[in-house]
Amino acid sequence: MPNWLPRFLADESGATTIEYALIGVFLSIVILGATRIIGTTLSGAYYLPVANNLT
């Protein structure tokens, strides 16, 4: 077995990067979902009443 293989298998420094990436992806999905819900709510509350009164 090569000398570097046990050190490579024991190295966990990349795990932190992957964890941060997963947290970032999760937060992005939550933010996009919240933005979509808020946008739909605001559209129904402000845009539609104004549009209906203009016609």
PDB file of N, CA and C in Angstrom:
ATOM      1  N   MET A   1       0.862  -1.173   0.000  1.00  0.00           N
ATOM      2  CA  MET A   1       0.000   0.000   0.000  1.00  0.00           C
ATOM      3  C   MET A   1       0.908   1.236   0.000  1.00  0.00           C
ATOM      4  N   PRO A   2       0.566   2.196  -0.856  1.00  0.00           N
ATOM      5  CA  PRO A   2       1.389   3.404  -0.879  1.00  0.00           C
ATOM      6  C   PRO A   2       1.354   4.132   0.459  1.00  0.00           C
ATOM      7  N   ASN A   3       2.406   4.889   0.718  1.00  0.00           N
ATOM      8  CA  ASN A   3       2.561   5.604   1.979  1.00  0.00           C
ATOM      9  C   ASN A   3       1.512   6.700   2.154  1.00  0.00           C
ATOM     10  N   TRP A   4       1.047   7.314   1.083  1.00  0.00           N
ATOM     11  CA  TRP A   4       0.112   8.442   1.159  1.00  0.00           C
ATOM     12  C   TRP A   4      -1.332   7.995   1.360  1.00  0.00           C
ATOM     13  N   LEU A   5      -1.671   6.748   1.069  1.00  0.00           N
ATOM     14  CA  LEU A   5      -3.060   6.301   1.130  1.00  0.00           C
ATOM     15  C   LEU A   5      -3.645   6.331   2.544  1.00  0.00           C
ATOM     16  N   PRO A   6      -2.957   5.859   3.574  1.00  0.00           N
ATOM     17  CA  PRO A   6      -3.537   5.962   4.920  1.00  0.00           C
ATOM     18  C   PRO A   6      -3.727   7.412   5.373  1.00  0.00           C
ATOM     19  N   ARG A   7      -2.770   8.270   5.032  1.00  0.00           N
ATOM     20  CA  ARG A   7      -2.921   9.689   5.387  1.00  0.00           C
ATOM     21  C   ARG A   7      -4.102  10.315   4.643  1.00  0.00           C
ATOM     22  N   PHE A   8      -4.284   9.949   3.387  1.00  0.00           N
ATOM     23  CA  PHE A   8      -5.391  10.484   2.603  1.00  0.00           C
ATOM     24  C   PHE A   8      -6.738  10.028   3.178  1.00  0.00           C
ATOM     25  N   LEU A   9      -6.846   8.782   3.563  1.00  0.00           N
ATOM     26  CA  LEU A   9      -8.096   8.264   4.119  1.00  0.00           C
ATOM     27  C   LEU A   9      -8.408   8.839   5.493  1.00  0.00           C
ATOM     28  N   ALA A  10      -7.385   9.205   6.261  1.00  0.00           N
ATOM     29  CA  ALA A  10      -7.579   9.768   7.599  1.00  0.00           C
ATOM     30  C   ALA A  10      -7.830  11.276   7.565  1.00  0.00           C
ATOM     31  N   ASP A  11      -7.508  11.918   6.453  1.00  0.00           N
ATOM     32  CA  ASP A  11      -7.650  13.378   6.351  1.00  0.00           C
ATOM     33  C   ASP A  11      -9.127  13.752   6.246  1.00  0.00           C
ATOM     34  N   GLU A  12      -9.597  14.622   7.147  1.00  0.00           N
ATOM     35  CA  GLU A  12     -10.996  15.051   7.158  1.00  0.00           C
ATOM     36  C   GLU A  12     -11.140  16.550   6.895  1.00  0.00           C
ATOM     37  N   SER A  13     -10.130  17.186   6.358  1.00  0.00           N
ATOM     38  CA  SER A  13     -10.190  18.627   6.162  1.00  0.00           C
ATOM     39  C   SER A  13     -11.199  19.024   5.089  1.00  0.00           C
ATOM     40  N   GLY A  14     -11.481  18.174   4.135  1.00  0.00           N
ATOM     41  CA  GLY A  14     -12.462  18.482   3.103  1.00  0.00           C
ATOM     42  C   GLY A  14     -13.888  18.329   3.577  1.00  0.00           C
ATOM     43  N   ALA A  15     -14.103  17.622   4.671  1.00  0.00           N
ATOM     44  CA  ALA A  15     -15.449  17.393   5.180  1.00  0.00           C
ATOM     45  C   ALA A  15     -16.104  18.706   5.605  1.00  0.00           C
ATOM     46  N   THR A  16     -15.340  19.617   6.171  1.00  0.00           N
ATOM     47  CA  THR A  16     -15.888  20.904   6.585  1.00  0.00           C
ATOM     48  C   THR A  16     -16.382  21.692   5.378  1.00  0.00           C
ATOM     49  N   THR A  17     -15.642  21.659   4.316  1.00  0.00           N
ATOM     50  CA  THR A  17     -16.040  22.362   3.101  1.00  0.00           C
ATOM     51  C   THR A  17     -17.339  21.801   2.552  1.00  0.00           C
ATOM     52  N   ILE A  18     -17.465  20.497   2.539  1.00  0.00           N
ATOM     53  CA  ILE A  18     -18.692  19.859   2.048  1.00  0.00           C
ATOM     54  C   ILE A  18     -19.866  20.207   2.951  1.00  0.00           C
ATOM     55  N   GLU A  19     -19.648  20.234   4.251  1.00  0.00           N
ATOM     56  CA  GLU A  19     -20.725  20.590   5.181  1.00  0.00           C
ATOM     57  C   GLU A  19     -21.192  22.026   4.953  1.00  0.00           C
ATOM     58  N   TYR A  20     -20.249  22.941   4.780  1.00  0.00           N
ATOM     59  CA  TYR A  20     -20.620  24.331   4.507  1.00  0.00           C
ATOM     60  C   TYR A  20     -21.359  24.458   3.171  1.00  0.00           C
ATOM     61  N   ALA A  21     -20.943  23.700   2.189  1.00  0.00           N
ATOM     62  CA  ALA A  21     -21.623  23.731   0.897  1.00  0.00           C
ATOM     63  C   ALA A  21     -23.057  23.230   1.027  1.00  0.00           C
ATOM     64  N   LEU A  22     -23.263  22.175   1.781  1.00  0.00           N
ATOM     65  CA  LEU A  22     -24.616  21.647   1.989  1.00  0.00           C
ATOM     66  C   LEU A  22     -25.487  22.644   2.750  1.00  0.00           C
ATOM     67  N   ILE A  23     -24.915  23.313   3.740  1.00  0.00           N
ATOM     68  CA  ILE A  23     -25.662  24.340   4.474  1.00  0.00           C
ATOM     69  C   ILE A  23     -26.039  25.478   3.531  1.00  0.00           C
ATOM     70  N   GLY A  24     -25.120  25.884   2.676  1.00  0.00           N
ATOM     71  CA  GLY A  24     -25.392  26.940   1.706  1.00  0.00           C
ATOM     72  C   GLY A  24     -26.498  26.561   0.733  1.00  0.00           C
ATOM     73  N   VAL A  25     -26.478  25.331   0.262  1.00  0.00           N
ATOM     74  CA  VAL A  25     -27.531  24.865  -0.646  1.00  0.00           C
ATOM     75  C   VAL A  25     -28.874  24.852   0.063  1.00  0.00           C
ATOM     76  N   PHE A  26     -28.902  24.356   1.283  1.00  0.00           N
ATOM     77  CA  PHE A  26     -30.151  24.303   2.040  1.00  0.00           C
ATOM     78  C   PHE A  26     -30.709  25.709   2.270  1.00  0.00           C
ATOM     79  N   LEU A  27     -29.855  26.636   2.674  1.00  0.00           N
ATOM     80  CA  LEU A  27     -30.307  28.012   2.892  1.00  0.00           C
ATOM     81  C   LEU A  27     -30.790  28.659   1.597  1.00  0.00           C
ATOM     82  N   SER A  28     -30.142  28.362   0.492  1.00  0.00           N
ATOM     83  CA  SER A  28     -30.582  28.901  -0.792  1.00  0.00           C
ATOM     84  C   SER A  28     -31.979  28.425  -1.145  1.00  0.00           C
ATOM     85  N   ILE A  29     -32.241  27.156  -0.915  1.00  0.00           N
ATOM     86  CA  ILE A  29     -33.568  26.609  -1.202  1.00  0.00           C
ATOM     87  C   ILE A  29     -34.612  27.257  -0.309  1.00  0.00           C
ATOM     88  N   VAL A  30     -34.307  27.432   0.965  1.00  0.00           N
ATOM     89  CA  VAL A  30     -35.244  28.068   1.890  1.00  0.00           C
ATOM     90  C   VAL A  30     -35.515  29.514   1.480  1.00  0.00           C
ATOM     91  N   ILE A  31     -34.469  30.248   1.122  1.00  0.00           N
ATOM     92  CA  ILE A  31     -34.632  31.650   0.730  1.00  0.00           C
ATOM     93  C   ILE A  31     -35.452  31.759  -0.553  1.00  0.00           C
ATOM     94  N   LEU A  32     -35.186  30.902  -1.523  1.00  0.00           N
ATOM     95  CA  LEU A  32     -35.960  30.935  -2.767  1.00  0.00           C
ATOM     96  C   LEU A  32     -37.430  30.615  -2.524  1.00  0.00           C
ATOM     97  N   GLY A  33     -37.691  29.638  -1.683  1.00  0.00           N
ATOM     98  CA  GLY A  33     -39.082  29.301  -1.366  1.00  0.00           C
ATOM     99  C   GLY A  33     -39.784  30.436  -0.645  1.00  0.00           C
ATOM    100  N   ALA A  34     -39.122  31.044   0.317  1.00  0.00           N
ATOM    101  CA  ALA A  34     -39.721  32.151   1.062  1.00  0.00           C
ATOM    102  C   ALA A  34     -39.971  33.347   0.141  1.00  0.00           C
ATOM    103  N   THR A  35     -39.044  33.606  -0.763  1.00  0.00           N
ATOM    104  CA  THR A  35     -39.214  34.714  -1.697  1.00  0.00           C
ATOM    105  C   THR A  35     -40.408  34.477  -2.608  1.00  0.00           C
ATOM    106  N   ARG A  36     -40.592  33.258  -3.050  1.00  0.00           N
ATOM    107  CA  ARG A  36     -41.722  32.936  -3.911  1.00  0.00           C
ATOM    108  C   ARG A  36     -43.040  33.114  -3.161  1.00  0.00           C
ATOM    109  N   ILE A  37     -43.096  32.652  -1.926  1.00  0.00           N
ATOM    110  CA  ILE A  37     -44.328  32.782  -1.129  1.00  0.00           C
ATOM    111  C   ILE A  37     -44.625  34.248  -0.851  1.00  0.00           C
ATOM    112  N   ILE A  38     -43.616  35.003  -0.445  1.00  0.00           N
ATOM    113  CA  ILE A  38     -43.817  36.423  -0.142  1.00  0.00           C
ATOM    114  C   ILE A  38     -44.214  37.185  -1.404  1.00  0.00           C
ATOM    115  N   GLY A  39     -43.590  36.865  -2.536  1.00  0.00           N
ATOM    116  CA  GLY A  39     -43.923  37.533  -3.788  1.00  0.00           C
ATOM    117  C   GLY A  39     -45.360  37.288  -4.198  1.00  0.00           C
ATOM    118  N   THR A  40     -45.817  36.060  -4.048  1.00  0.00           N
ATOM    119  CA  THR A  40     -47.203  35.733  -4.380  1.00  0.00           C
ATOM    120  C   THR A  40     -48.163  36.458  -3.451  1.00  0.00           C
ATOM    121  N   THR A  41     -47.843  36.515  -2.178  1.00  0.00           N
ATOM    122  CA  THR A  41     -48.696  37.200  -1.207  1.00  0.00           C
ATOM    123  C   THR A  41     -48.768  38.695  -1.503  1.00  0.00           C
ATOM    124  N   LEU A  42     -47.632  39.299  -1.769  1.00  0.00           N
ATOM    125  CA  LEU A  42     -47.622  40.728  -2.064  1.00  0.00           C
ATOM    126  C   LEU A  42     -48.340  41.039  -3.377  1.00  0.00           C
ATOM    127  N   SER A  43     -48.203  40.165  -4.339  1.00  0.00           N
ATOM    128  CA  SER A  43     -48.889  40.362  -5.609  1.00  0.00           C
ATOM    129  C   SER A  43     -50.394  40.335  -5.409  1.00  0.00           C
ATOM    130  N   GLY A  44     -50.874  39.401  -4.606  1.00  0.00           N
ATOM    131  CA  GLY A  44     -52.303  39.321  -4.338  1.00  0.00           C
ATOM    132  C   GLY A  44     -52.802  40.477  -3.510  1.00  0.00           C
ATOM    133  N   ALA A  45     -51.969  41.013  -2.657  1.00  0.00           N
ATOM    134  CA  ALA A  45     -52.397  42.088  -1.764  1.00  0.00           C
ATOM    135  C   ALA A  45     -52.334  43.461  -2.417  1.00  0.00           C
ATOM    136  N   TYR A  46     -51.393  43.699  -3.313  1.00  0.00           N
ATOM    137  CA  TYR A  46     -51.192  45.040  -3.858  1.00  0.00           C
ATOM    138  C   TYR A  46     -51.475  45.130  -5.359  1.00  0.00           C
ATOM    139  N   TYR A  47     -50.898  44.237  -6.134  1.00  0.00           N
ATOM    140  CA  TYR A  47     -50.994  44.355  -7.585  1.00  0.00           C
ATOM    141  C   TYR A  47     -52.408  44.070  -8.093  1.00  0.00           C
ATOM    142  N   LEU A  48     -52.991  42.974  -7.675  1.00  0.00           N
ATOM    143  CA  LEU A  48     -54.301  42.594  -8.204  1.00  0.00           C
ATOM    144  C   LEU A  48     -55.406  43.607  -7.887  1.00  0.00           C
ATOM    145  N   PRO A  49     -55.514  44.143  -6.665  1.00  0.00           N
ATOM    146  CA  PRO A  49     -56.545  45.155  -6.420  1.00  0.00           C
ATOM    147  C   PRO A  49     -56.371  46.401  -7.272  1.00  0.00           C
ATOM    148  N   VAL A  50     -55.154  46.827  -7.468  1.00  0.00           N
ATOM    149  CA  VAL A  50     -54.904  48.000  -8.300  1.00  0.00           C
ATOM    150  C   VAL A  50     -55.263  47.690  -9.751  1.00  0.00           C
ATOM    151  N   ALA A  51     -54.849  46.533 -10.242  1.00  0.00           N
ATOM    152  CA  ALA A  51     -55.147  46.155 -11.621  1.00  0.00           C
ATOM    153  C   ALA A  51     -56.652  46.039 -11.841  1.00  0.00           C
ATOM    154  N   ASN A  52     -57.373  45.517 -10.879  1.00  0.00           N
ATOM    155  CA  ASN A  52     -58.835  45.377 -11.021  1.00  0.00           C
ATOM    156  C   ASN A  52     -59.526  46.734 -11.021  1.00  0.00           C
ATOM    157  N   ASN A  53     -59.014  47.695 -10.283  1.00  0.00           N
ATOM    158  CA  ASN A  53     -59.625  49.014 -10.226  1.00  0.00           C
ATOM    159  C   ASN A  53     -59.304  49.865 -11.455  1.00  0.00           C
ATOM    160  N   LEU A  54     -58.259  49.520 -12.178  1.00  0.00           N
ATOM    161  CA  LEU A  54     -57.920  50.290 -13.366  1.00  0.00           C
ATOM    162  C   LEU A  54     -58.751  49.895 -14.574  1.00  0.00           C
ATOM    163  N   THR A  55     -59.342  48.741 -14.539  1.00  0.00           N
ATOM    164  CA  THR A  55     -60.125  48.295 -15.700  1.00  0.00           C
ATOM    165  C   THR A  55     -61.589  48.598 -15.547  1.00  0.00           C
TER     166      THR A  55
END
